[in-house]
Amino acid sequence: MQKDDVIYRQAAIDELPYLLDYDGLKGENGFVSKRLVRKMLKELPPAQPYYVTGYWLIRKWGDDAKCSNCGKTFKDVYDMENYDGFCRHCGTKMEGIKVTK
C-alpha cells in the first residue's frame, strides 16, 4: 500500500465501532491501541477516484464551448486539437468535443 493511498472515509467510520469493541485491540489498561487501529485502517482497500464525465459542446462556427454537465459557457477552452480536460466551473472530466448546431 502506498503512503498516499486514499481510503473511503465512510468505510473507516463504519469500521470504528468494531475496532473499538474488539478486545484484541485493548491493552492492559483497557484502552484501544492506536498502533493496531492504524494497522487495521492501513489494510482497508484504497478508494478509486470518481469523476463525472462530459463533453465540450461547441457550435460549428463558434469560438466558445459549453460544459455538457453544468451548462456554463467558456472561451479559450479548446482548439480543434486540444481542449481543457476538466470544466472550470463544476470539475466534470471532459472526454472530448461534440459539435452542435
Protein backbone atom coordinates (compact mmCIF):
# COMPACT_ATOMS: atom_id res chain seq x y z
CA MET A 1 0.00 0.00 0.00
CA GLN A 2 1.28 3.44 -0.90
CA LYS A 3 1.73 6.04 1.81
CA ASP A 4 -0.65 8.39 -0.01
CA ASP A 5 -3.40 5.86 -0.81
CA VAL A 6 -6.90 7.23 -0.35
CA ILE A 7 -9.47 5.24 1.61
CA TYR A 8 -13.19 5.77 1.78
CA ARG A 9 -13.94 7.93 4.80
CA GLN A 10 -17.27 6.20 5.38
CA ALA A 11 -15.63 2.76 5.29
CA ALA A 12 -13.23 3.83 8.04
CA ILE A 13 -16.07 5.32 10.11
CA ASP A 14 -18.10 2.15 9.66
CA GLU A 15 -15.19 0.05 10.92
CA LEU A 16 -14.51 2.13 14.05
CA PRO A 17 -17.21 0.60 16.30
CA TYR A 18 -15.86 -2.87 15.56
CA LEU A 19 -12.29 -1.75 16.15
CA LEU A 20 -13.11 -0.03 19.43
CA ASP A 21 -15.09 -3.02 20.76
CA TYR A 22 -12.53 -5.61 19.66
CA ASP A 23 -10.79 -6.94 22.78
CA GLY A 24 -7.65 -7.76 20.80
CA LEU A 25 -7.03 -4.05 20.39
CA LYS A 26 -7.23 -3.23 24.07
CA GLY A 27 -4.03 -3.08 26.03
CA GLU A 28 -3.55 -3.95 29.69
CA ASN A 29 -5.04 -0.61 30.74
CA GLY A 30 -8.26 -1.28 28.76
CA PHE A 31 -7.58 1.42 26.17
CA VAL A 32 -7.51 0.77 22.45
CA SER A 33 -4.05 0.50 20.90
CA LYS A 34 -3.52 3.32 18.38
CA ARG A 35 -0.87 1.23 16.64
CA LEU A 36 -3.30 -1.59 15.94
CA VAL A 37 -6.06 0.79 14.82
CA ARG A 38 -3.59 2.41 12.39
CA LYS A 39 -2.60 -1.04 11.13
CA MET A 40 -6.21 -2.06 10.52
CA LEU A 41 -7.03 1.25 8.78
CA LYS A 42 -3.99 0.84 6.53
CA GLU A 43 -5.35 -2.55 5.48
CA LEU A 44 -8.56 -1.00 4.10
CA PRO A 45 -8.60 -1.06 0.28
CA PRO A 46 -7.78 2.22 -1.47
CA ALA A 47 -10.64 4.24 -2.89
CA GLN A 48 -10.90 4.66 -6.63
CA PRO A 49 -11.33 8.27 -7.77
CA TYR A 50 -14.73 9.04 -9.22
CA TYR A 51 -15.24 11.61 -11.93
CA VAL A 52 -18.39 12.86 -13.57
CA THR A 53 -17.69 12.80 -17.30
CA GLY A 54 -18.98 15.02 -20.06
CA TYR A 55 -18.15 16.78 -23.31
CA TRP A 56 -17.43 20.27 -24.52
CA LEU A 57 -20.36 21.28 -26.70
CA ILE A 58 -19.31 23.67 -29.45
CA ARG A 59 -21.15 25.34 -32.34
CA LYS A 60 -19.84 24.72 -35.81
CA TRP A 61 -18.70 28.32 -36.27
CA GLY A 62 -18.44 29.44 -32.63
CA ASP A 63 -15.40 30.12 -30.51
CA ASP A 64 -16.92 29.23 -27.14
CA ALA A 65 -17.63 25.86 -25.56
CA LYS A 66 -20.36 24.78 -23.16
CA CYS A 67 -20.00 22.09 -20.49
CA SER A 68 -22.48 19.27 -21.11
CA ASN A 69 -22.87 18.80 -17.36
CA CYS A 70 -23.36 22.26 -15.83
CA GLY A 71 -24.14 24.28 -18.97
CA LYS A 72 -21.56 27.00 -18.29
CA THR A 73 -20.00 28.54 -21.39
CA PHE A 74 -16.31 29.42 -21.65
CA LYS A 75 -13.95 30.94 -24.19
CA ASP A 76 -10.48 29.57 -24.85
CA VAL A 77 -11.07 26.02 -23.58
CA TYR A 78 -10.40 24.32 -26.88
CA ASP A 79 -8.94 24.34 -30.31
CA MET A 80 -9.54 21.50 -32.75
CA GLU A 81 -6.54 19.52 -31.49
CA ASN A 82 -6.60 20.23 -27.75
CA TYR A 83 -9.19 21.02 -25.10
CA ASP A 84 -9.32 21.56 -21.35
CA GLY A 85 -9.54 18.23 -19.55
CA PHE A 86 -11.93 19.49 -16.85
CA CYS A 87 -14.73 22.05 -16.63
CA ARG A 88 -13.54 25.20 -14.86
CA HIS A 89 -16.88 25.54 -13.07
CA CYS A 90 -18.08 22.08 -11.98
CA GLY A 91 -14.97 19.90 -12.39
CA THR A 92 -16.51 17.49 -14.91
CA LYS A 93 -13.86 15.39 -16.64
CA MET A 94 -14.15 16.11 -20.35
CA GLU A 95 -13.94 13.20 -22.77
CA GLY A 96 -13.93 15.25 -25.94
CA ILE A 97 -15.73 17.76 -28.10
CA LYS A 98 -19.17 17.43 -29.69
CA VAL A 99 -20.24 19.83 -32.42
CA THR A 100 -23.83 21.12 -32.10
CA LYS A 101 -25.94 23.18 -34.47
